[in-house]
Amino acid sequence: MTGVGSAGQSIVELVVSLMVFTMLVLTASPYVDKLTQIYAVRAAARDVYADLQNTRMGAVMEDHRYRFLLVDSHTYQLHDDVNNNGAVDSGESVITRNIIGDAPGVALTGTSSVTFLPDGTVLAGATFTATKGSRVVNVVVDMGGRMRVTYPTS
């Protein structure tokens, strides 16, 4: 018998609450997977975009070439090409970045490298694509060295 001031719940109320909660979780689970894909792909694109911006700034500030090199589907390098020969030489700084920590399951593809010149322009335009499942985000570098993030339609 429950009355005013009753402190507990009946077992029926508890079971009904659990059933409602379970139905909500099962209904929402497909959307959670889609959201995690979207956020992972955007995180990878954001990392690539930021490092491309830093690479361009380094080239302008240091007055020599900097390169962004795609190593594999989740790793890229930032190379301070002090002697402007396009190769990694002794004494030149190379920073390796891996996107797996921030964006697990995302694959990077695209142009193997982009070289920023001291005036901030590039030798050739480039596109880097972050993909996970059906989610795709591109980071595009134009000939003027400007970058933009694009979301292609499926």
N, C-alpha and C. Protein backbone atom coordinates (compact mmCIF):
# COMPACT_ATOMS: atom_id res chain seq x y z
N MET A 1 0.82 -1.17 0.00
CA MET A 1 0.00 0.00 0.00
C MET A 1 0.87 1.25 0.00
N THR A 2 0.66 2.08 -0.99
CA THR A 2 1.44 3.31 -1.04
C THR A 2 0.55 4.47 -0.67
N GLY A 3 1.08 5.36 0.08
CA GLY A 3 0.31 6.51 0.52
C GLY A 3 1.16 7.76 0.42
N VAL A 4 0.64 8.81 0.95
CA VAL A 4 1.36 10.07 0.95
C VAL A 4 2.60 9.91 1.81
N GLY A 5 3.74 10.35 1.26
CA GLY A 5 4.98 10.25 2.01
C GLY A 5 5.67 8.92 1.85
N SER A 6 5.19 8.06 0.94
CA SER A 6 5.83 6.76 0.71
C SER A 6 7.22 6.99 0.12
N ALA A 7 8.23 6.27 0.60
CA ALA A 7 9.61 6.50 0.20
C ALA A 7 10.09 5.57 -0.90
N GLY A 8 9.39 4.50 -1.23
CA GLY A 8 9.90 3.53 -2.20
C GLY A 8 9.06 3.44 -3.45
N GLN A 9 9.56 2.61 -4.40
CA GLN A 9 8.82 2.33 -5.63
C GLN A 9 8.52 0.85 -5.67
N SER A 10 7.43 0.51 -6.32
CA SER A 10 7.11 -0.90 -6.45
C SER A 10 7.96 -1.52 -7.55
N ILE A 11 8.05 -2.83 -7.57
CA ILE A 11 8.82 -3.54 -8.58
C ILE A 11 8.24 -3.31 -9.97
N VAL A 12 6.93 -3.15 -10.07
CA VAL A 12 6.28 -2.91 -11.36
C VAL A 12 6.73 -1.56 -11.92
N GLU A 13 6.77 -0.54 -11.08
CA GLU A 13 7.23 0.78 -11.53
C GLU A 13 8.68 0.73 -12.00
N LEU A 14 9.49 -0.02 -11.31
CA LEU A 14 10.90 -0.17 -11.68
C LEU A 14 11.05 -0.88 -13.02
N VAL A 15 10.31 -1.95 -13.24
CA VAL A 15 10.38 -2.71 -14.50
C VAL A 15 9.89 -1.85 -15.66
N VAL A 16 8.80 -1.13 -15.47
CA VAL A 16 8.28 -0.24 -16.53
C VAL A 16 9.30 0.84 -16.87
N SER A 17 9.92 1.42 -15.86
CA SER A 17 10.95 2.44 -16.09
C SER A 17 12.12 1.88 -16.88
N LEU A 18 12.56 0.68 -16.53
CA LEU A 18 13.65 0.03 -17.26
C LEU A 18 13.28 -0.26 -18.71
N MET A 19 12.05 -0.67 -18.94
CA MET A 19 11.59 -0.95 -20.31
C MET A 19 11.57 0.32 -21.15
N VAL A 20 11.09 1.41 -20.59
CA VAL A 20 11.05 2.69 -21.31
C VAL A 20 12.47 3.15 -21.62
N PHE A 21 13.36 3.05 -20.64
CA PHE A 21 14.76 3.45 -20.85
C PHE A 21 15.41 2.59 -21.94
N THR A 22 15.19 1.30 -21.92
CA THR A 22 15.75 0.39 -22.93
C THR A 22 15.24 0.74 -24.32
N MET A 23 13.95 1.04 -24.44
CA MET A 23 13.40 1.42 -25.75
C MET A 23 14.02 2.71 -26.26
N LEU A 24 14.25 3.67 -25.38
CA LEU A 24 14.89 4.93 -25.77
C LEU A 24 16.32 4.70 -26.26
N VAL A 25 17.06 3.87 -25.54
CA VAL A 25 18.45 3.57 -25.93
C VAL A 25 18.49 2.86 -27.27
N LEU A 26 17.63 1.87 -27.47
CA LEU A 26 17.60 1.14 -28.74
C LEU A 26 17.19 2.02 -29.91
N THR A 27 16.31 2.96 -29.67
CA THR A 27 15.88 3.88 -30.71
C THR A 27 17.00 4.86 -31.08
N ALA A 28 17.77 5.29 -30.11
CA ALA A 28 18.81 6.30 -30.34
C ALA A 28 20.12 5.72 -30.84
N SER A 29 20.39 4.44 -30.68
CA SER A 29 21.71 3.88 -30.98
C SER A 29 22.15 4.05 -32.43
N PRO A 30 21.30 3.92 -33.45
CA PRO A 30 21.79 4.15 -34.82
C PRO A 30 22.25 5.60 -35.03
N TYR A 31 21.60 6.54 -34.36
CA TYR A 31 21.97 7.94 -34.51
C TYR A 31 23.29 8.25 -33.82
N VAL A 32 23.56 7.56 -32.75
CA VAL A 32 24.82 7.76 -32.02
C VAL A 32 26.00 7.37 -32.91
N ASP A 33 25.89 6.25 -33.63
CA ASP A 33 26.95 5.82 -34.53
C ASP A 33 27.18 6.84 -35.64
N LYS A 34 26.11 7.37 -36.20
CA LYS A 34 26.24 8.39 -37.25
C LYS A 34 26.91 9.65 -36.71
N LEU A 35 26.52 10.06 -35.52
CA LEU A 35 27.12 11.25 -34.92
C LEU A 35 28.61 11.06 -34.63
N THR A 36 28.99 9.88 -34.13
CA THR A 36 30.41 9.66 -33.86
C THR A 36 31.21 9.65 -35.16
N GLN A 37 30.64 9.14 -36.25
CA GLN A 37 31.32 9.19 -37.55
C GLN A 37 31.51 10.64 -37.99
N ILE A 38 30.47 11.43 -37.87
CA ILE A 38 30.56 12.84 -38.28
C ILE A 38 31.63 13.57 -37.47
N TYR A 39 31.61 13.40 -36.15
CA TYR A 39 32.57 14.10 -35.31
C TYR A 39 34.00 13.62 -35.54
N ALA A 40 34.19 12.33 -35.77
CA ALA A 40 35.54 11.81 -36.02
C ALA A 40 36.11 12.36 -37.33
N VAL A 41 35.30 12.38 -38.39
CA VAL A 41 35.77 12.89 -39.68
C VAL A 41 36.07 14.38 -39.58
N ARG A 42 35.21 15.12 -38.92
CA ARG A 42 35.46 16.57 -38.76
C ARG A 42 36.69 16.84 -37.91
N ALA A 43 36.93 16.02 -36.89
CA ALA A 43 38.13 16.19 -36.06
C ALA A 43 39.39 15.97 -36.88
N ALA A 44 39.39 14.94 -37.73
CA ALA A 44 40.55 14.68 -38.58
C ALA A 44 40.78 15.83 -39.55
N ALA A 45 39.71 16.31 -40.17
CA ALA A 45 39.83 17.43 -41.12
C ALA A 45 40.32 18.69 -40.41
N ARG A 46 39.84 18.91 -39.20
CA ARG A 46 40.28 20.07 -38.41
C ARG A 46 41.77 19.99 -38.10
N ASP A 47 42.25 18.79 -37.73
CA ASP A 47 43.68 18.61 -37.45
C ASP A 47 44.52 18.88 -38.69
N VAL A 48 44.10 18.32 -39.83
CA VAL A 48 44.84 18.52 -41.08
C VAL A 48 44.84 20.00 -41.46
N TYR A 49 43.68 20.64 -41.38
CA TYR A 49 43.56 22.06 -41.71
C TYR A 49 44.50 22.90 -40.83
N ALA A 50 44.47 22.67 -39.53
CA ALA A 50 45.31 23.44 -38.61
C ALA A 50 46.79 23.24 -38.90
N ASP A 51 47.19 22.00 -39.17
CA ASP A 51 48.60 21.75 -39.46
C ASP A 51 49.02 22.33 -40.82
N LEU A 52 48.12 22.33 -41.79
CA LEU A 52 48.42 22.99 -43.06
C LEU A 52 48.60 24.50 -42.84
N GLN A 53 47.75 25.10 -42.03
CA GLN A 53 47.89 26.53 -41.72
C GLN A 53 49.23 26.81 -41.04
N ASN A 54 49.59 25.96 -40.07
CA ASN A 54 50.87 26.14 -39.37
C ASN A 54 52.05 25.95 -40.31
N THR A 55 51.93 25.01 -41.24
CA THR A 55 52.99 24.78 -42.20
C THR A 55 53.17 26.00 -43.10
N ARG A 56 52.07 26.56 -43.54
CA ARG A 56 52.13 27.77 -44.38
C ARG A 56 52.76 28.93 -43.61
N MET A 57 52.33 29.13 -42.36
CA MET A 57 52.89 30.21 -41.55
C MET A 57 54.38 30.01 -41.33
N GLY A 58 54.81 28.76 -41.11
CA GLY A 58 56.23 28.48 -40.93
C GLY A 58 57.03 28.86 -42.16
N ALA A 59 56.51 28.54 -43.35
CA ALA A 59 57.21 28.88 -44.59
C ALA A 59 57.37 30.39 -44.72
N VAL A 60 56.33 31.14 -44.42
CA VAL A 60 56.38 32.60 -44.55
C VAL A 60 57.30 33.19 -43.49
N MET A 61 57.18 32.74 -42.26
CA MET A 61 57.98 33.31 -41.17
C MET A 61 59.46 32.97 -41.29
N GLU A 62 59.77 31.75 -41.72
CA GLU A 62 61.16 31.32 -41.79
C GLU A 62 61.81 31.62 -43.15
N ASP A 63 61.00 32.04 -44.12
CA ASP A 63 61.47 32.40 -45.46
C ASP A 63 62.14 31.23 -46.18
N HIS A 64 61.58 30.04 -46.03
CA HIS A 64 61.98 28.89 -46.84
C HIS A 64 60.82 27.92 -46.94
N ARG A 65 60.99 26.88 -47.69
CA ARG A 65 59.89 25.96 -47.95
C ARG A 65 59.57 25.06 -46.75
N TYR A 66 58.29 24.76 -46.64
CA TYR A 66 57.79 23.79 -45.68
C TYR A 66 56.93 22.81 -46.46
N ARG A 67 56.99 21.55 -46.08
CA ARG A 67 56.19 20.53 -46.78
C ARG A 67 55.26 19.81 -45.81
N PHE A 68 54.10 19.47 -46.33
CA PHE A 68 53.11 18.64 -45.64
C PHE A 68 53.06 17.35 -46.44
N LEU A 69 53.47 16.22 -45.82
CA LEU A 69 53.55 14.95 -46.53
C LEU A 69 52.59 13.93 -45.93
N LEU A 70 51.75 13.34 -46.76
CA LEU A 70 50.86 12.28 -46.31
C LEU A 70 51.65 10.97 -46.36
N VAL A 71 51.84 10.34 -45.19
CA VAL A 71 52.64 9.13 -45.09
C VAL A 71 51.80 7.89 -45.36
N ASP A 72 50.67 7.78 -44.67
CA ASP A 72 49.74 6.67 -44.89
C ASP A 72 48.34 7.15 -44.53
N SER A 73 47.41 6.24 -44.37
CA SER A 73 46.01 6.61 -44.21
C SER A 73 45.68 7.28 -42.87
N HIS A 74 46.63 7.36 -41.96
CA HIS A 74 46.36 8.04 -40.70
C HIS A 74 47.55 8.83 -40.17
N THR A 75 48.61 8.95 -40.97
CA THR A 75 49.81 9.64 -40.52
C THR A 75 50.28 10.64 -41.58
N TYR A 76 50.72 11.80 -41.12
CA TYR A 76 51.33 12.77 -42.02
C TYR A 76 52.49 13.45 -41.31
N GLN A 77 53.36 14.10 -42.11
CA GLN A 77 54.54 14.75 -41.57
C GLN A 77 54.58 16.21 -41.99
N LEU A 78 55.17 17.02 -41.12
CA LEU A 78 55.41 18.43 -41.39
C LEU A 78 56.93 18.59 -41.46
N HIS A 79 57.42 19.00 -42.62
CA HIS A 79 58.86 19.04 -42.87
C HIS A 79 59.31 20.48 -43.09
N ASP A 80 60.27 20.93 -42.29
CA ASP A 80 60.89 22.24 -42.44
C ASP A 80 62.07 22.08 -43.40
N ASP A 81 61.84 22.36 -44.68
CA ASP A 81 62.84 22.14 -45.75
C ASP A 81 63.77 23.34 -45.84
N VAL A 82 64.73 23.41 -44.93
CA VAL A 82 65.60 24.56 -44.79
C VAL A 82 66.36 24.88 -46.08
N ASN A 83 66.88 23.86 -46.77
CA ASN A 83 67.68 24.12 -47.97
C ASN A 83 66.85 24.05 -49.27
N ASN A 84 65.54 23.94 -49.16
CA ASN A 84 64.62 24.00 -50.29
C ASN A 84 64.87 22.96 -51.38
N ASN A 85 65.35 21.76 -50.99
CA ASN A 85 65.64 20.75 -52.01
C ASN A 85 64.54 19.70 -52.13
N GLY A 86 63.50 19.78 -51.32
CA GLY A 86 62.39 18.84 -51.40
C GLY A 86 62.64 17.48 -50.76
N ALA A 87 63.75 17.33 -50.07
CA ALA A 87 64.08 16.07 -49.42
C ALA A 87 64.38 16.33 -47.93
N VAL A 88 64.14 15.32 -47.11
CA VAL A 88 64.45 15.42 -45.70
C VAL A 88 65.95 15.20 -45.52
N ASP A 89 66.64 16.22 -45.04
CA ASP A 89 68.09 16.15 -44.84
C ASP A 89 68.41 16.21 -43.35
N SER A 90 69.62 15.84 -43.03
CA SER A 90 70.09 15.89 -41.65
C SER A 90 69.96 17.31 -41.12
N GLY A 91 69.43 17.44 -39.92
CA GLY A 91 69.29 18.74 -39.29
C GLY A 91 67.97 19.45 -39.58
N GLU A 92 67.18 18.94 -40.53
CA GLU A 92 65.89 19.54 -40.83
C GLU A 92 64.82 18.93 -39.93
N SER A 93 63.94 19.78 -39.46
CA SER A 93 62.88 19.35 -38.54
C SER A 93 61.77 18.61 -39.28
N VAL A 94 61.39 17.45 -38.75
CA VAL A 94 60.25 16.70 -39.27
C VAL A 94 59.37 16.31 -38.09
N ILE A 95 58.12 16.73 -38.13
CA ILE A 95 57.16 16.39 -37.08
C ILE A 95 56.17 15.41 -37.69
N THR A 96 55.96 14.28 -37.01
CA THR A 96 55.02 13.27 -37.49
C THR A 96 53.76 13.33 -36.64
N ARG A 97 52.60 13.39 -37.30
CA ARG A 97 51.31 13.44 -36.62
C ARG A 97 50.49 12.22 -37.00
N ASN A 98 49.74 11.70 -36.01
CA ASN A 98 48.87 10.55 -36.23
C ASN A 98 47.47 10.95 -35.76
N ILE A 99 46.46 10.76 -36.62
CA ILE A 99 45.10 11.21 -36.30
C ILE A 99 44.29 10.19 -35.52
N ILE A 100 44.84 9.00 -35.30
CA ILE A 100 44.07 7.93 -34.66
C ILE A 100 43.56 8.33 -33.27
N GLY A 101 44.36 9.05 -32.51
CA GLY A 101 43.94 9.45 -31.17
C GLY A 101 42.71 10.34 -31.17
N ASP A 102 42.67 11.34 -32.06
CA ASP A 102 41.55 12.27 -32.12
C ASP A 102 40.42 11.78 -33.00
N ALA A 103 40.75 10.92 -33.97
CA ALA A 103 39.74 10.49 -34.95
C ALA A 103 39.91 9.02 -35.28
N PRO A 104 39.55 8.13 -34.35
CA PRO A 104 39.72 6.70 -34.60
C PRO A 104 38.86 6.22 -35.78
N GLY A 105 39.47 5.40 -36.61
CA GLY A 105 38.75 4.81 -37.74
C GLY A 105 38.66 5.69 -38.97
N VAL A 106 39.23 6.89 -38.93
CA VAL A 106 39.19 7.79 -40.08
C VAL A 106 40.40 7.54 -40.96
N ALA A 107 40.18 7.50 -42.27
CA ALA A 107 41.26 7.31 -43.23
C ALA A 107 41.52 8.62 -43.97
N LEU A 108 42.80 8.95 -44.13
CA LEU A 108 43.20 10.12 -44.91
C LEU A 108 43.70 9.67 -46.27
N THR A 109 43.26 10.35 -47.31
CA THR A 109 43.74 10.10 -48.66
C THR A 109 43.98 11.45 -49.32
N GLY A 110 44.61 11.40 -50.48
CA GLY A 110 44.78 12.63 -51.25
C GLY A 110 46.16 12.76 -51.81
N THR A 111 46.48 13.99 -52.17
CA THR A 111 47.78 14.32 -52.72
C THR A 111 48.85 13.90 -51.73
N SER A 112 49.94 13.32 -52.23
CA SER A 112 50.96 12.81 -51.31
C SER A 112 51.64 13.92 -50.53
N SER A 113 51.81 15.10 -51.14
CA SER A 113 52.44 16.19 -50.40
C SER A 113 52.03 17.53 -51.00
N VAL A 114 52.24 18.56 -50.21
CA VAL A 114 52.05 19.94 -50.68
C VAL A 114 53.22 20.74 -50.12
N THR A 115 53.83 21.55 -50.97
CA THR A 115 54.99 22.35 -50.58
C THR A 115 54.61 23.82 -50.56
N PHE A 116 54.78 24.43 -49.39
CA PHE A 116 54.51 25.86 -49.23
C PHE A 116 55.80 26.64 -49.48
N LEU A 117 55.71 27.66 -50.30
CA LEU A 117 56.84 28.52 -50.63
C LEU A 117 56.92 29.68 -49.64
N PRO A 118 58.05 30.38 -49.58
CA PRO A 118 58.20 31.47 -48.61
C PRO A 118 57.17 32.58 -48.72
N ASP A 119 56.53 32.73 -49.88
CA ASP A 119 55.50 33.76 -50.02
C ASP A 119 54.10 33.25 -49.65
N GLY A 120 54.00 32.00 -49.15
CA GLY A 120 52.72 31.44 -48.72
C GLY A 120 51.96 30.70 -49.80
N THR A 121 52.43 30.76 -51.04
CA THR A 121 51.78 30.02 -52.12
C THR A 121 52.30 28.58 -52.11
N VAL A 122 51.76 27.75 -53.01
CA VAL A 122 52.19 26.36 -53.08
C VAL A 122 52.69 26.04 -54.48
N LEU A 123 53.51 24.99 -54.59
CA LEU A 123 53.98 24.54 -55.90
C LEU A 123 52.83 24.00 -56.73
N ALA A 124 51.90 23.28 -56.08
CA ALA A 124 50.73 22.73 -56.75
C ALA A 124 49.61 22.60 -55.73
N GLY A 125 48.39 22.84 -56.16
CA GLY A 125 47.24 22.69 -55.28
C GLY A 125 47.11 21.25 -54.79
N ALA A 126 46.36 21.07 -53.72
CA ALA A 126 46.22 19.73 -53.14
C ALA A 126 44.85 19.58 -52.49
N THR A 127 44.40 18.34 -52.40
CA THR A 127 43.18 18.01 -51.67
C THR A 127 43.45 16.80 -50.80
N PHE A 128 43.09 16.93 -49.52
CA PHE A 128 43.20 15.82 -48.58
C PHE A 128 41.79 15.47 -48.11
N THR A 129 41.48 14.18 -48.11
CA THR A 129 40.13 13.72 -47.80
C THR A 129 40.14 12.84 -46.56
N ALA A 130 39.27 13.19 -45.61
CA ALA A 130 39.08 12.37 -44.40
C ALA A 130 37.77 11.61 -44.59
N THR A 131 37.82 10.27 -44.39
CA THR A 131 36.66 9.43 -44.63
C THR A 131 36.47 8.44 -43.49
N LYS A 132 35.22 8.27 -43.09
CA LYS A 132 34.84 7.20 -42.16
C LYS A 132 33.42 6.81 -42.52
N GLY A 133 33.25 5.57 -42.92
CA GLY A 133 31.93 5.12 -43.37
C GLY A 133 31.50 5.92 -44.57
N SER A 134 30.32 6.49 -44.51
CA SER A 134 29.82 7.30 -45.62
C SER A 134 30.12 8.78 -45.44
N ARG A 135 30.82 9.13 -44.37
CA ARG A 135 31.12 10.54 -44.08
C ARG A 135 32.44 10.95 -44.71
N VAL A 136 32.43 12.08 -45.42
CA VAL A 136 33.61 12.57 -46.13
C VAL A 136 33.75 14.06 -45.90
N VAL A 137 34.98 14.50 -45.60
CA VAL A 137 35.29 15.92 -45.49
C VAL A 137 36.61 16.15 -46.24
N ASN A 138 36.65 17.18 -47.09
CA ASN A 138 37.85 17.52 -47.84
C ASN A 138 38.50 18.77 -47.28
N VAL A 139 39.83 18.78 -47.29
CA VAL A 139 40.59 19.99 -47.00
C VAL A 139 41.33 20.31 -48.30
N VAL A 140 41.00 21.46 -48.88
CA VAL A 140 41.52 21.84 -50.19
C VAL A 140 42.51 22.99 -50.02
N VAL A 141 43.68 22.87 -50.68
CA VAL A 141 44.68 23.92 -50.70
C VAL A 141 44.76 24.42 -52.14
N ASP A 142 44.48 25.71 -52.35
CA ASP A 142 44.55 26.23 -53.72
C ASP A 142 45.96 26.75 -54.01
N MET A 143 46.19 27.16 -55.25
CA MET A 143 47.53 27.60 -55.68
C MET A 143 48.04 28.81 -54.89
N GLY A 144 47.13 29.61 -54.38
CA GLY A 144 47.52 30.77 -53.58
C GLY A 144 47.89 30.42 -52.16
N GLY A 145 47.75 29.12 -51.79
CA GLY A 145 48.07 28.68 -50.45
C GLY A 145 46.91 28.77 -49.47
N ARG A 146 45.77 29.24 -49.95
CA ARG A 146 44.61 29.34 -49.07
C ARG A 146 43.98 27.96 -48.91
N MET A 147 43.44 27.72 -47.73
CA MET A 147 42.81 26.43 -47.43
C MET A 147 41.35 26.62 -47.14
N ARG A 148 40.57 25.57 -47.46
CA ARG A 148 39.16 25.57 -47.10
C ARG A 148 38.73 24.13 -46.85
N VAL A 149 37.72 24.00 -46.04
CA VAL A 149 37.15 22.69 -45.74
C VAL A 149 35.84 22.60 -46.50
N THR A 150 35.66 21.47 -47.22
CA THR A 150 34.43 21.28 -47.98
C THR A 150 33.77 19.98 -47.55
N TYR A 151 32.46 19.96 -47.65
CA TYR A 151 31.66 18.79 -47.29
C TYR A 151 30.93 18.33 -48.54
N PRO A 152 31.52 17.39 -49.30
CA PRO A 152 30.87 16.95 -50.53
C PRO A 152 29.53 16.29 -50.24
N THR A 153 28.60 16.45 -51.16
CA THR A 153 27.30 15.81 -50.99
C THR A 153 27.40 14.37 -51.47
N SER A 154 26.66 13.49 -50.81
CA SER A 154 26.71 12.08 -51.16
C SER A 154 25.68 11.76 -52.20
